[in-house]
Structure formats: C-alpha cells, structure tokens
Amino acid sequence: DLLAASVYDTKPVHLMSTVSKSVRWVMKNNKVRSKEDEAMKVIDFLRLNMIDEYNQNMNNVDIADQLRGQY
C-alpha cells in the first residue's frame, strides 16, 4: 500500500509513505518570539501525522547516508 499526501507550508511539501496507514491532522505547538512585545508566546498549528512519523524515525536514514558518503 502506498499513501501520498501534499500540503503547503511555507513551500509545497510532498510525501509518499508505505509505513503510514492513515492521514490525520495533529495539533502541535511551538514557542515563538512576538514582534509586538518581544515576549515568547506559544502558538498552535496543525501538522500531518505522516510528517511527525518521518521526523521521529529518520535518524537511522541520516546515519546510513552519512556512512555511505564517507565510503
């Protein structure tokens, strides 16, 4: 099974996955500095679960790419 999704963040993001079984929005939050009062504020935003799964599990892929580049 192949799952494909495309979203627009600050630029287009295209994903294809054989691992994800569904697509759903996940509520996330992040601290950002406000330009008005120079204070840190927490903002909420939505992200696809596929992106979270990729970001959490890509460490092994990065290590394999680094080792392949060395040899």
N, C-alpha and C. Protein backbone atom coordinates (compact mmCIF):
# COMPACT_ATOMS: atom_id res chain seq x y z
N ASP A 1 0.84 -1.18 0.00
CA ASP A 1 0.00 0.00 0.00
C ASP A 1 0.88 1.24 0.00
N LEU A 2 0.51 2.21 -0.80
CA LEU A 2 1.25 3.45 -0.90
C LEU A 2 0.31 4.60 -0.58
N LEU A 3 0.74 5.48 0.32
CA LEU A 3 -0.05 6.63 0.73
C LEU A 3 0.69 7.88 0.31
N ALA A 4 0.03 8.78 -0.40
CA ALA A 4 0.65 10.02 -0.86
C ALA A 4 -0.16 11.20 -0.34
N ALA A 5 0.56 12.28 0.02
CA ALA A 5 -0.09 13.49 0.51
C ALA A 5 0.74 14.69 0.08
N SER A 6 0.05 15.81 -0.10
CA SER A 6 0.72 17.05 -0.47
C SER A 6 0.07 18.18 0.32
N VAL A 7 0.88 18.99 0.98
CA VAL A 7 0.40 20.15 1.74
C VAL A 7 1.28 21.34 1.41
N TYR A 8 0.78 22.52 1.73
CA TYR A 8 1.56 23.73 1.52
C TYR A 8 1.83 24.36 2.87
N ASP A 9 3.12 24.47 3.23
CA ASP A 9 3.53 25.14 4.46
C ASP A 9 4.08 26.49 4.03
N THR A 10 5.35 26.75 4.19
CA THR A 10 5.95 27.94 3.60
C THR A 10 6.34 27.67 2.16
N LYS A 11 6.34 26.39 1.80
CA LYS A 11 6.54 25.93 0.43
C LYS A 11 5.86 24.57 0.31
N PRO A 12 5.67 24.06 -0.89
CA PRO A 12 4.99 22.76 -1.03
C PRO A 12 5.76 21.61 -0.38
N VAL A 13 5.04 20.73 0.27
CA VAL A 13 5.62 19.53 0.90
C VAL A 13 4.88 18.33 0.33
N HIS A 14 5.62 17.40 -0.29
CA HIS A 14 5.04 16.20 -0.88
C HIS A 14 5.59 14.98 -0.15
N LEU A 15 4.71 14.07 0.22
CA LEU A 15 5.11 12.88 0.96
C LEU A 15 4.54 11.63 0.31
N MET A 16 5.34 10.58 0.31
CA MET A 16 4.86 9.25 -0.08
C MET A 16 5.33 8.29 1.00
N SER A 17 4.45 7.42 1.45
CA SER A 17 4.79 6.53 2.55
C SER A 17 4.19 5.15 2.34
N THR A 18 4.98 4.15 2.70
CA THR A 18 4.45 2.79 2.76
C THR A 18 4.27 2.36 4.22
N VAL A 19 4.61 3.25 5.14
CA VAL A 19 4.53 2.96 6.57
C VAL A 19 3.24 3.48 7.18
N SER A 20 2.85 4.70 6.85
CA SER A 20 1.64 5.31 7.41
C SER A 20 0.40 4.59 6.89
N LYS A 21 -0.53 4.35 7.78
CA LYS A 21 -1.77 3.67 7.41
C LYS A 21 -2.93 4.64 7.25
N SER A 22 -2.77 5.88 7.73
CA SER A 22 -3.84 6.86 7.63
C SER A 22 -3.23 8.26 7.60
N VAL A 23 -4.06 9.22 7.21
CA VAL A 23 -3.64 10.62 7.21
C VAL A 23 -4.56 11.38 8.15
N ARG A 24 -3.99 12.07 9.10
CA ARG A 24 -4.80 12.88 10.01
C ARG A 24 -3.98 14.09 10.45
N TRP A 25 -4.67 15.13 10.85
CA TRP A 25 -4.01 16.33 11.36
C TRP A 25 -3.74 16.16 12.84
N VAL A 26 -2.55 16.57 13.28
CA VAL A 26 -2.15 16.50 14.68
C VAL A 26 -1.89 17.92 15.16
N MET A 27 -2.47 18.28 16.30
CA MET A 27 -2.26 19.62 16.87
C MET A 27 -0.89 19.66 17.54
N LYS A 28 -0.07 20.61 17.15
CA LYS A 28 1.26 20.81 17.73
C LYS A 28 1.34 22.24 18.25
N ASN A 29 2.35 22.54 19.06
CA ASN A 29 2.57 23.92 19.48
C ASN A 29 4.06 24.20 19.52
N ASN A 30 4.39 25.47 19.43
CA ASN A 30 5.78 25.88 19.37
C ASN A 30 5.91 27.26 20.01
N LYS A 31 7.04 27.51 20.65
CA LYS A 31 7.30 28.83 21.22
C LYS A 31 7.94 29.72 20.16
N VAL A 32 7.39 30.91 20.00
CA VAL A 32 7.93 31.89 19.06
C VAL A 32 8.02 33.24 19.74
N ARG A 33 8.92 34.08 19.25
CA ARG A 33 9.06 35.42 19.80
C ARG A 33 8.11 36.36 19.08
N SER A 34 7.31 37.08 19.86
CA SER A 34 6.36 38.03 19.32
C SER A 34 7.07 39.32 18.94
N LYS A 35 6.77 39.85 17.75
CA LYS A 35 7.39 41.10 17.32
C LYS A 35 6.82 42.31 18.06
N GLU A 36 5.55 42.21 18.49
CA GLU A 36 4.91 43.35 19.15
C GLU A 36 5.49 43.64 20.53
N ASP A 37 5.56 42.62 21.38
CA ASP A 37 6.00 42.85 22.76
C ASP A 37 7.30 42.12 23.12
N GLU A 38 7.98 41.54 22.11
CA GLU A 38 9.27 40.87 22.32
C GLU A 38 9.22 39.77 23.37
N ALA A 39 8.05 39.18 23.57
CA ALA A 39 7.91 38.10 24.55
C ALA A 39 7.73 36.77 23.81
N MET A 40 8.05 35.69 24.50
CA MET A 40 7.86 34.37 23.94
C MET A 40 6.39 33.97 24.11
N LYS A 41 5.77 33.51 23.02
CA LYS A 41 4.39 33.06 23.06
C LYS A 41 4.30 31.67 22.46
N VAL A 42 3.33 30.92 22.90
CA VAL A 42 3.09 29.57 22.38
C VAL A 42 2.00 29.68 21.32
N ILE A 43 2.29 29.17 20.12
CA ILE A 43 1.28 29.14 19.07
C ILE A 43 0.95 27.69 18.75
N ASP A 44 -0.30 27.46 18.39
CA ASP A 44 -0.76 26.14 17.99
C ASP A 44 -0.81 26.07 16.46
N PHE A 45 -0.50 24.91 15.92
CA PHE A 45 -0.58 24.70 14.48
C PHE A 45 -0.87 23.24 14.20
N LEU A 46 -1.30 22.95 12.99
CA LEU A 46 -1.62 21.58 12.58
C LEU A 46 -0.50 21.03 11.71
N ARG A 47 -0.24 19.73 11.88
CA ARG A 47 0.77 19.03 11.09
C ARG A 47 0.23 17.64 10.76
N LEU A 48 0.57 17.14 9.60
CA LEU A 48 0.14 15.78 9.24
C LEU A 48 0.90 14.75 10.09
N ASN A 49 0.21 13.69 10.48
CA ASN A 49 0.86 12.64 11.26
C ASN A 49 2.00 11.99 10.47
N MET A 50 1.91 11.97 9.14
CA MET A 50 2.98 11.39 8.31
C MET A 50 4.30 12.14 8.51
N ILE A 51 4.22 13.46 8.64
CA ILE A 51 5.42 14.28 8.82
C ILE A 51 6.04 13.98 10.18
N ASP A 52 5.21 13.87 11.22
CA ASP A 52 5.73 13.52 12.55
C ASP A 52 6.40 12.15 12.54
N GLU A 53 5.77 11.17 11.89
CA GLU A 53 6.35 9.83 11.83
C GLU A 53 7.69 9.85 11.11
N TYR A 54 7.78 10.61 10.04
CA TYR A 54 9.04 10.71 9.30
C TYR A 54 10.12 11.36 10.16
N ASN A 55 9.77 12.48 10.81
CA ASN A 55 10.77 13.20 11.62
C ASN A 55 11.25 12.37 12.81
N GLN A 56 10.38 11.56 13.38
CA GLN A 56 10.77 10.76 14.54
C GLN A 56 11.62 9.55 14.15
N ASN A 57 11.50 9.07 12.93
CA ASN A 57 12.17 7.83 12.55
C ASN A 57 13.25 8.01 11.48
N MET A 58 13.61 9.22 11.13
CA MET A 58 14.58 9.43 10.06
C MET A 58 16.02 9.36 10.53
N ASN A 59 16.26 9.23 11.81
CA ASN A 59 17.62 9.23 12.34
C ASN A 59 18.47 8.11 11.72
N ASN A 60 17.92 6.91 11.61
CA ASN A 60 18.67 5.80 11.02
C ASN A 60 18.99 6.05 9.56
N VAL A 61 18.10 6.71 8.84
CA VAL A 61 18.33 7.02 7.43
C VAL A 61 19.48 8.03 7.31
N ASP A 62 19.48 9.04 8.18
CA ASP A 62 20.55 10.04 8.15
C ASP A 62 21.91 9.41 8.43
N ILE A 63 21.98 8.50 9.38
CA ILE A 63 23.24 7.83 9.70
C ILE A 63 23.71 7.00 8.51
N ALA A 64 22.79 6.28 7.87
CA ALA A 64 23.16 5.47 6.70
C ALA A 64 23.67 6.37 5.57
N ASP A 65 23.05 7.52 5.36
CA ASP A 65 23.51 8.45 4.32
C ASP A 65 24.90 9.00 4.64
N GLN A 66 25.15 9.30 5.90
CA GLN A 66 26.47 9.80 6.30
C GLN A 66 27.55 8.74 6.07
N LEU A 67 27.26 7.51 6.45
CA LEU A 67 28.25 6.44 6.27
C LEU A 67 28.50 6.16 4.79
N ARG A 68 27.45 6.17 3.99
CA ARG A 68 27.60 5.95 2.56
C ARG A 68 28.46 7.06 1.93
N GLY A 69 28.28 8.29 2.40
CA GLY A 69 29.07 9.41 1.89
C GLY A 69 30.55 9.31 2.23
N GLN A 70 30.87 8.69 3.37
CA GLN A 70 32.26 8.55 3.79
C GLN A 70 32.99 7.47 3.01
N TYR A 71 32.27 6.43 2.61
CA TYR A 71 32.91 5.31 1.95
C TYR A 71 32.54 5.32 0.51
